[in-house]
Amino acid sequence: MPDDLKTAKTALVKLHQDMEAINRLAKPSCLSVVEQMERTLEPIRRQHLEISRAFEMSGAMARIQEIANANQHWQELIKQASATNRIAESFAAAHQSWLERMKPLQPDFSHLSQLQASAKLALCDTSLRLAATERLMVGIDFDAIRSRFQVEMSVIAGLESSIAHVAASYGGLAESLREISDITRLPAFVLPGAAREIYTTSFALETLRPWDDRDEDEAETEIQFVAEAEAETSGCIALLQQVDPGLARPYIGARDALYGNNADRARHILSSLRELWNHLLRRLAPDDLVAAWIPGVSNQKDLLHEGKPTRRARVLYVCRELNNDPLTDFLMHDTRALVKMIELFNRVHELETALTDEQLRAILLRTDSWLMYILQISVGNFHK
């Protein structure tokens, strides 16, 4: 792992510890945390510039420029939030005569300071993960994947198009969040979860590259970020069981198959994943409920096909309580990309190319991440 990225990771761990201490003690001051965040940003920014130069050299800039722009946007938003934090801190450091005047408002300023610091910490995490994603994306060559595995052009083209749409919709989501308050109006998992979706997508595609083509530093970075993603998504099965134990059982079987000795385990895993998204969307957004909801939607284009709700309609229904069009757009394209990726892995397997444990683990992690994200978005609606 590059030294700058190691430094940033270490600093972010310390930031999390500081924030936990602040929350436990309910201290109004977050200045030391804010200053440390700003120091942490410097290596992240340097890493981002280095990756941007690599994009230009590799010719990949056009494909994933949206991700690079989004990362820059998050970093600018972190700097913007520093001014707000310092305003809140100035009241805490003011003369007692001023504090007496502001006393009725002090709890509000304390809350604002802590909320701003928490949001900035989430942005730092997101920026760091996107920097790793950008580096992975540089090395993804769809033509090389097609040539190596002899996969039809239509399969590769569909996947490449879906990845481009995910990147564009993520850029749209980032652009829509112009203030820290825009972020804190959404559930806390939304921003980190979207970055995780982008990262696990790029990691799964990275596993299709030969080991000889990979950089040792990148491999070390992957180990850490993959471990973090696995920890974040460890609760997806529990959420799935809450929604439908009938869907959870076969999916648990698919996960267990990864560690078994069954020669047909790859087919078992892939067939389960290929069907899961469709059944889950139908469970989260049943035909009758979606059909009853559609008449109240202002833009009803592409919501019905032959009288039945489309995938777009189901995703819109799942996201209805959040009322955030860019997030809904991102989830829609993200879901399509997952389906296209499973299609690619399944096609590779059908061509009697043995999928490695790493590749199977990567596609399972990619699915876990998507499950966690869509279930977190929908769980409030489901229990209403």
Protein backbone atom coordinates (compact mmCIF):
# COMPACT_ATOMS: atom_id res chain seq x y z
CA MET A 1 0.00 0.00 0.00
CA PRO A 2 1.37 3.50 -0.83
CA ASP A 3 2.66 5.37 2.22
CA ASP A 4 0.12 8.19 1.77
CA LEU A 5 -2.77 5.75 1.79
CA LYS A 6 -1.37 3.98 4.87
CA THR A 7 -1.07 7.31 6.67
CA ALA A 8 -4.62 8.23 5.79
CA LYS A 9 -5.98 4.88 6.94
CA THR A 10 -4.16 5.14 10.28
CA ALA A 11 -5.39 8.70 10.81
CA LEU A 12 -8.96 7.74 10.06
CA VAL A 13 -8.86 4.98 12.68
CA LYS A 14 -7.76 7.60 15.22
CA LEU A 15 -10.55 9.91 14.07
CA HIS A 16 -13.16 7.22 14.70
CA GLN A 17 -11.79 6.71 18.20
CA ASP A 18 -11.89 10.45 18.90
CA MET A 19 -15.47 10.71 17.68
CA GLU A 20 -16.54 7.80 19.89
CA ALA A 21 -14.95 9.51 22.89
CA ILE A 22 -16.73 12.77 22.09
CA ASN A 23 -20.07 11.02 21.80
CA ARG A 24 -19.56 9.16 25.08
CA LEU A 25 -18.61 12.28 27.01
CA ALA A 26 -21.03 14.57 25.18
CA LYS A 27 -18.33 17.22 24.86
CA PRO A 28 -19.32 20.24 22.75
CA SER A 29 -15.80 20.71 21.33
CA CYS A 30 -14.78 18.87 18.18
CA LEU A 31 -11.97 21.19 17.09
CA SER A 32 -9.15 18.68 17.55
CA VAL A 33 -11.07 16.11 15.51
CA VAL A 34 -11.75 18.65 12.76
CA GLU A 35 -8.10 19.69 12.58
CA GLN A 36 -6.99 16.06 12.40
CA MET A 37 -9.49 15.45 9.60
CA GLU A 38 -7.95 18.28 7.61
CA ARG A 39 -4.47 16.82 8.11
CA THR A 40 -5.80 13.43 7.04
CA LEU A 41 -7.19 14.90 3.83
CA GLU A 42 -3.79 15.94 2.54
CA PRO A 43 -2.50 12.42 1.75
CA ILE A 44 -5.92 11.53 0.34
CA ARG A 45 -5.75 14.53 -1.99
CA ARG A 46 -2.24 13.61 -3.08
CA GLN A 47 -3.39 10.05 -3.72
CA HIS A 48 -6.32 11.37 -5.76
CA LEU A 49 -4.07 13.52 -7.95
CA GLU A 50 -1.74 10.59 -8.53
CA ILE A 51 -4.65 8.41 -9.62
CA SER A 52 -6.01 11.15 -11.89
CA ARG A 53 -2.65 11.31 -13.67
CA ALA A 54 -2.73 7.53 -14.05
CA PHE A 55 -6.19 7.78 -15.65
CA GLU A 56 -4.90 10.21 -18.21
CA MET A 57 -2.01 7.90 -19.07
CA SER A 58 -4.17 4.78 -19.28
CA GLY A 59 -7.00 6.22 -21.34
CA ALA A 60 -9.55 5.19 -18.70
CA MET A 61 -10.45 8.74 -17.69
CA ALA A 62 -13.53 8.94 -19.91
CA ARG A 63 -15.04 5.76 -18.47
CA ILE A 64 -14.83 6.66 -14.80
CA GLN A 65 -14.38 10.43 -14.74
CA GLU A 66 -17.59 10.65 -12.75
CA ILE A 67 -16.04 8.77 -9.83
CA ALA A 68 -12.97 10.98 -9.82
CA ASN A 69 -15.16 14.10 -9.95
CA ALA A 70 -17.33 12.79 -7.11
CA ASN A 71 -14.25 12.21 -4.97
CA GLN A 72 -13.11 15.76 -5.60
CA HIS A 73 -16.60 16.96 -4.69
CA TRP A 74 -16.48 15.14 -1.34
CA GLN A 75 -13.11 16.69 -0.54
CA GLU A 76 -14.40 20.17 -1.34
CA LEU A 77 -17.42 19.53 0.86
CA ILE A 78 -15.16 18.52 3.76
CA LYS A 79 -13.26 21.80 3.42
CA GLN A 80 -16.53 23.71 3.24
CA ALA A 81 -17.74 22.09 6.45
CA SER A 82 -14.63 23.17 8.35
CA ALA A 83 -15.81 26.77 8.32
CA THR A 84 -19.11 25.76 9.89
CA ASN A 85 -17.34 23.76 12.58
CA ARG A 86 -15.10 26.71 13.42
CA ILE A 87 -18.12 28.99 13.76
CA ALA A 88 -19.58 26.59 16.30
CA GLU A 89 -16.21 26.34 18.09
CA SER A 90 -15.89 30.13 18.30
CA PHE A 91 -18.97 30.24 20.49
CA ALA A 92 -17.50 27.62 22.82
CA ALA A 93 -14.31 29.72 23.18
CA ALA A 94 -16.08 33.06 23.57
CA HIS A 95 -16.01 35.34 26.63
CA GLN A 96 -18.41 34.41 29.39
CA SER A 97 -20.51 37.52 28.69
CA TRP A 98 -21.17 36.28 25.19
CA LEU A 99 -21.84 32.76 26.45
CA GLU A 100 -24.51 34.11 28.78
CA ARG A 101 -26.23 35.73 25.84
CA MET A 102 -25.97 32.55 23.77
CA LYS A 103 -26.73 30.15 26.62
CA PRO A 104 -30.19 29.13 25.30
CA LEU A 105 -28.57 28.14 22.01
CA GLN A 106 -25.51 26.27 23.31
CA PRO A 107 -27.04 22.78 23.10
CA ASP A 108 -27.91 23.46 19.47
CA PHE A 109 -24.37 24.54 18.65
CA SER A 110 -22.97 21.50 20.47
CA HIS A 111 -25.22 19.22 18.45
CA LEU A 112 -24.30 21.02 15.23
CA SER A 113 -20.59 20.65 15.92
CA GLN A 114 -20.83 16.92 16.60
CA LEU A 115 -23.13 16.33 13.63
CA GLN A 116 -20.78 18.20 11.31
CA ALA A 117 -17.77 16.26 12.59
CA SER A 118 -19.58 12.93 12.15
CA ALA A 119 -20.57 13.84 8.59
CA LYS A 120 -17.00 14.89 7.79
CA LEU A 121 -15.70 11.61 9.15
CA ALA A 122 -18.10 9.72 6.85
CA LEU A 123 -16.88 11.84 3.94
CA CYS A 124 -13.24 11.05 4.77
CA ASP A 125 -14.06 7.33 4.79
CA THR A 126 -15.91 7.69 1.50
CA SER A 127 -13.10 9.63 -0.15
CA LEU A 128 -10.52 7.07 0.91
CA ARG A 129 -12.60 4.19 -0.44
CA LEU A 130 -13.21 6.00 -3.71
CA ALA A 131 -9.48 6.62 -4.09
CA ALA A 132 -8.93 2.86 -3.85
CA THR A 133 -11.80 2.31 -6.31
CA GLU A 134 -10.28 4.70 -8.83
CA ARG A 135 -6.97 2.85 -8.69
CA LEU A 136 -8.71 -0.48 -9.31
CA MET A 137 -10.76 0.91 -12.17
CA VAL A 138 -7.62 2.06 -13.98
CA GLY A 139 -6.64 -1.57 -14.50
CA ILE A 140 -10.01 -2.88 -15.70
CA ASP A 141 -9.94 -3.68 -19.40
CA PHE A 142 -13.22 -5.05 -20.72
CA ASP A 143 -11.70 -6.06 -24.05
CA ALA A 144 -9.03 -8.04 -22.20
CA ILE A 145 -11.72 -9.79 -20.12
CA ARG A 146 -13.63 -10.72 -23.27
CA SER A 147 -10.50 -12.01 -24.96
CA ARG A 148 -9.26 -13.95 -21.95
CA PHE A 149 -12.53 -15.76 -21.23
CA GLN A 150 -13.91 -15.82 -24.79
CA VAL A 151 -17.16 -14.22 -23.67
CA GLU A 152 -19.63 -12.86 -26.21
CA MET A 153 -19.38 -9.19 -27.03
CA SER A 154 -23.01 -8.62 -26.01
CA VAL A 155 -22.30 -9.80 -22.45
CA ILE A 156 -19.23 -7.57 -22.12
CA ALA A 157 -20.95 -4.61 -23.74
CA GLY A 158 -23.92 -4.91 -21.41
CA LEU A 159 -21.68 -5.03 -18.36
CA GLU A 160 -19.49 -2.14 -19.51
CA SER A 161 -22.56 -0.02 -20.22
CA SER A 162 -24.04 -0.80 -16.82
CA ILE A 163 -20.80 0.15 -15.03
CA ALA A 164 -20.71 3.45 -16.92
CA HIS A 165 -24.29 4.18 -15.85
CA VAL A 166 -23.48 3.34 -12.22
CA ALA A 167 -20.55 5.75 -12.29
CA ALA A 168 -22.67 8.47 -13.89
CA SER A 169 -25.51 8.01 -11.41
CA TYR A 170 -23.06 8.04 -8.51
CA GLY A 171 -21.72 11.32 -9.86
CA GLY A 172 -25.28 12.62 -9.99
CA LEU A 173 -25.86 11.58 -6.39
CA ALA A 174 -22.68 13.33 -5.28
CA GLU A 175 -23.54 16.49 -7.19
CA SER A 176 -26.99 16.63 -5.58
CA LEU A 177 -25.45 16.77 -2.08
CA ARG A 178 -24.06 20.29 -2.02
CA GLU A 179 -24.08 20.95 1.72
CA ILE A 180 -23.33 18.87 4.79
CA SER A 181 -26.99 19.32 5.72
CA ASP A 182 -27.96 17.54 2.47
CA ILE A 183 -25.99 14.52 3.65
CA THR A 184 -27.31 14.53 7.21
CA ARG A 185 -30.89 14.60 5.95
CA LEU A 186 -30.32 11.10 4.56
CA PRO A 187 -29.81 7.97 6.69
CA ALA A 188 -26.20 7.63 7.86
CA PHE A 189 -25.59 4.46 5.83
CA VAL A 190 -26.46 6.02 2.45
CA LEU A 191 -23.17 7.69 1.56
CA PRO A 192 -20.74 5.02 2.86
CA GLY A 193 -22.96 2.30 1.39
CA ALA A 194 -22.95 3.84 -2.09
CA ALA A 195 -19.14 4.08 -2.03
CA ARG A 196 -18.97 0.45 -0.91
CA GLU A 197 -21.15 -0.55 -3.86
CA ILE A 198 -18.76 1.17 -6.26
CA TYR A 199 -15.75 -0.41 -4.57
CA THR A 200 -17.07 -4.00 -4.46
CA THR A 201 -18.02 -3.69 -8.13
CA SER A 202 -14.49 -2.72 -9.11
CA PHE A 203 -12.98 -5.38 -6.84
CA ALA A 204 -15.07 -8.15 -8.39
CA LEU A 205 -13.94 -7.09 -11.86
CA GLU A 206 -10.35 -6.84 -10.62
CA THR A 207 -10.37 -10.55 -9.70
CA LEU A 208 -10.80 -11.37 -13.39
CA ARG A 209 -7.32 -9.99 -14.11
CA PRO A 210 -4.38 -12.43 -14.04
CA TRP A 211 -2.32 -12.25 -10.85
CA ASP A 212 0.75 -11.31 -12.86
CA ASP A 213 -0.96 -8.09 -13.96
CA ARG A 214 -1.67 -6.89 -10.43
CA ASP A 215 0.41 -4.53 -8.35
CA GLU A 216 1.55 -5.79 -4.92
CA ASP A 217 0.63 -2.49 -3.26
CA GLU A 218 -2.86 -2.69 -4.76
CA ALA A 219 -3.26 -6.25 -3.46
CA GLU A 220 -2.39 -5.10 0.05
CA THR A 221 -4.90 -2.27 -0.21
CA GLU A 222 -7.59 -4.71 -1.38
CA ILE A 223 -7.11 -6.98 1.62
CA GLN A 224 -7.91 -4.16 4.01
CA PHE A 225 -10.83 -2.68 2.10
CA VAL A 226 -12.35 -6.10 1.40
CA ALA A 227 -12.15 -6.97 5.10
CA GLU A 228 -13.90 -3.69 5.94
CA ALA A 229 -16.64 -4.34 3.36
CA GLU A 230 -17.17 -7.85 4.71
CA ALA A 231 -17.51 -6.47 8.24
CA GLU A 232 -19.99 -3.80 7.10
CA THR A 233 -22.18 -6.34 5.28
CA SER A 234 -22.07 -9.08 7.91
CA GLY A 235 -25.64 -8.26 8.93
CA CYS A 236 -27.19 -8.71 5.49
CA ILE A 237 -28.38 -12.26 6.21
CA ALA A 238 -30.17 -11.15 9.38
CA LEU A 239 -31.93 -8.39 7.43
CA LEU A 240 -32.84 -10.83 4.66
CA GLN A 241 -34.31 -13.23 7.21
CA GLN A 242 -36.49 -10.42 8.57
CA VAL A 243 -37.90 -9.85 5.11
CA ASP A 244 -38.27 -13.47 3.99
CA PRO A 245 -36.68 -16.54 5.63
CA GLY A 246 -37.51 -18.42 2.45
CA LEU A 247 -35.05 -16.25 0.52
CA ALA A 248 -32.44 -16.35 3.28
CA ARG A 249 -32.14 -20.14 3.43
CA PRO A 250 -30.96 -20.77 -0.16
CA TYR A 251 -28.69 -17.74 0.00
CA ILE A 252 -27.05 -19.06 3.16
CA GLY A 253 -26.62 -22.34 1.28
CA ALA A 254 -24.87 -20.47 -1.53
CA ARG A 255 -22.50 -18.83 0.94
CA ASP A 256 -21.79 -22.14 2.64
CA ALA A 257 -21.03 -23.69 -0.73
CA LEU A 258 -18.02 -21.41 -1.10
CA TYR A 259 -16.25 -23.26 1.70
CA GLY A 260 -17.40 -26.74 0.71
CA ASN A 261 -15.83 -29.38 -1.51
CA ASN A 262 -18.73 -29.80 -3.93
CA ALA A 263 -17.39 -29.79 -7.47
CA ASP A 264 -20.57 -28.03 -8.61
CA ARG A 265 -20.38 -25.29 -6.00
CA ALA A 266 -19.74 -22.49 -8.51
CA ARG A 267 -22.97 -23.28 -10.37
CA HIS A 268 -24.80 -23.48 -7.04
CA ILE A 269 -23.54 -20.06 -5.98
CA LEU A 270 -24.12 -18.31 -9.29
CA SER A 271 -27.59 -19.71 -9.90
CA SER A 272 -28.65 -18.59 -6.42
CA LEU A 273 -27.30 -15.09 -6.96
CA ARG A 274 -28.81 -14.79 -10.42
CA GLU A 275 -32.31 -15.37 -9.08
CA LEU A 276 -32.04 -13.63 -5.73
CA TRP A 277 -32.27 -10.03 -6.90
CA ASN A 278 -35.46 -10.64 -8.86
CA HIS A 279 -37.22 -12.52 -6.06
CA LEU A 280 -36.11 -10.01 -3.46
CA LEU A 281 -37.30 -7.00 -5.45
CA ARG A 282 -40.67 -8.68 -5.91
CA ARG A 283 -40.82 -9.38 -2.19
CA LEU A 284 -39.90 -5.82 -1.23
CA ALA A 285 -42.15 -4.35 -3.89
CA PRO A 286 -45.08 -6.75 -4.53
CA ASP A 287 -47.13 -6.32 -7.69
CA ASP A 288 -50.35 -5.28 -5.96
CA LEU A 289 -48.75 -2.68 -3.70
CA VAL A 290 -46.66 -1.16 -6.49
CA ALA A 291 -49.65 -1.06 -8.85
CA ALA A 292 -51.72 0.74 -6.20
CA TRP A 293 -48.87 3.21 -5.60
CA ILE A 294 -48.14 4.06 -9.27
CA PRO A 295 -51.19 6.32 -9.89
CA GLY A 296 -49.79 8.79 -7.35
CA VAL A 297 -46.41 9.05 -9.10
CA SER A 298 -45.93 12.19 -11.17
CA ASN A 299 -43.69 10.60 -13.82
CA GLN A 300 -45.12 7.18 -14.70
CA LYS A 301 -42.89 6.49 -17.70
CA ASP A 302 -41.53 2.91 -17.83
CA LEU A 303 -43.27 1.88 -14.61
CA LEU A 304 -45.49 -0.75 -16.22
CA HIS A 305 -44.84 -3.38 -18.88
CA GLU A 306 -47.78 -5.43 -20.07
CA GLY A 307 -49.67 -4.36 -16.98
CA LYS A 308 -46.99 -5.41 -14.48
CA PRO A 309 -44.53 -3.24 -12.54
CA THR A 310 -41.08 -2.91 -14.09
CA ARG A 311 -37.79 -3.12 -12.23
CA ARG A 312 -37.66 0.68 -12.28
CA ALA A 313 -41.09 0.85 -10.63
CA ARG A 314 -40.03 -1.59 -7.92
CA VAL A 315 -36.84 0.32 -7.13
CA LEU A 316 -38.78 3.60 -7.02
CA TYR A 317 -41.25 1.98 -4.65
CA VAL A 318 -38.47 0.72 -2.37
CA CYS A 319 -36.97 4.23 -2.22
CA ARG A 320 -40.24 6.11 -1.95
CA GLU A 321 -39.84 7.21 1.67
CA LEU A 322 -36.41 8.73 1.06
CA ASN A 323 -37.79 10.92 -1.72
CA ASN A 324 -34.35 11.35 -3.30
CA ASP A 325 -34.32 10.93 -7.08
CA PRO A 326 -30.49 10.76 -7.49
CA LEU A 327 -30.26 7.99 -4.87
CA THR A 328 -33.07 6.07 -6.55
CA ASP A 329 -31.34 6.45 -9.92
CA PHE A 330 -28.08 5.16 -8.44
CA LEU A 331 -29.77 2.13 -6.85
CA MET A 332 -31.54 1.33 -10.11
CA HIS A 333 -28.33 1.31 -12.16
CA ASP A 334 -26.44 -0.42 -9.35
CA THR A 335 -28.97 -3.26 -9.37
CA ARG A 336 -28.70 -3.63 -13.15
CA ALA A 337 -24.91 -3.72 -12.91
CA LEU A 338 -25.07 -6.50 -10.32
CA VAL A 339 -27.30 -8.57 -12.62
CA LYS A 340 -24.93 -7.99 -15.57
CA MET A 341 -21.93 -8.95 -13.45
CA ILE A 342 -23.57 -12.18 -12.29
CA GLU A 343 -24.38 -12.86 -15.96
CA LEU A 344 -20.70 -12.45 -16.84
CA PHE A 345 -19.47 -14.72 -14.05
CA ASN A 346 -22.09 -17.29 -14.95
CA ARG A 347 -21.06 -17.19 -18.61
CA VAL A 348 -17.42 -17.66 -17.66
CA HIS A 349 -18.40 -20.70 -15.63
CA GLU A 350 -20.58 -22.13 -18.42
CA LEU A 351 -17.57 -21.98 -20.73
CA GLU A 352 -15.88 -24.46 -18.36
CA THR A 353 -13.44 -21.89 -17.08
CA ALA A 354 -12.86 -22.72 -13.44
CA LEU A 355 -13.75 -19.78 -11.21
CA THR A 356 -11.26 -19.28 -8.40
CA ASP A 357 -12.18 -19.01 -4.73
CA GLU A 358 -11.21 -15.35 -4.88
CA GLN A 359 -13.59 -14.71 -7.76
CA LEU A 360 -16.47 -16.53 -6.07
CA ARG A 361 -15.78 -14.71 -2.82
CA ALA A 362 -15.73 -11.39 -4.70
CA ILE A 363 -19.09 -11.94 -6.38
CA LEU A 364 -20.58 -13.02 -3.05
CA LEU A 365 -19.23 -9.88 -1.40
CA ARG A 366 -20.63 -7.80 -4.24
CA THR A 367 -24.04 -9.39 -3.64
CA ASP A 368 -23.77 -8.99 0.14
CA SER A 369 -23.07 -5.29 -0.32
CA TRP A 370 -26.08 -4.83 -2.60
CA LEU A 371 -28.30 -6.83 -0.24
CA MET A 372 -27.21 -4.75 2.74
CA TYR A 373 -27.82 -1.51 0.86
CA ILE A 374 -31.26 -2.23 -0.55
CA LEU A 375 -32.44 -3.89 2.67
CA GLN A 376 -31.29 -0.93 4.77
CA ILE A 377 -33.18 1.40 2.43
CA SER A 378 -36.33 -0.70 2.50
CA VAL A 379 -36.40 -2.04 6.06
CA GLY A 380 -38.26 1.01 7.43
CA ASN A 381 -40.94 0.69 4.74
CA PHE A 382 -41.21 -3.06 5.20
CA HIS A 383 -42.06 -2.85 8.89
CA LYS A 384 -44.62 -0.08 8.50
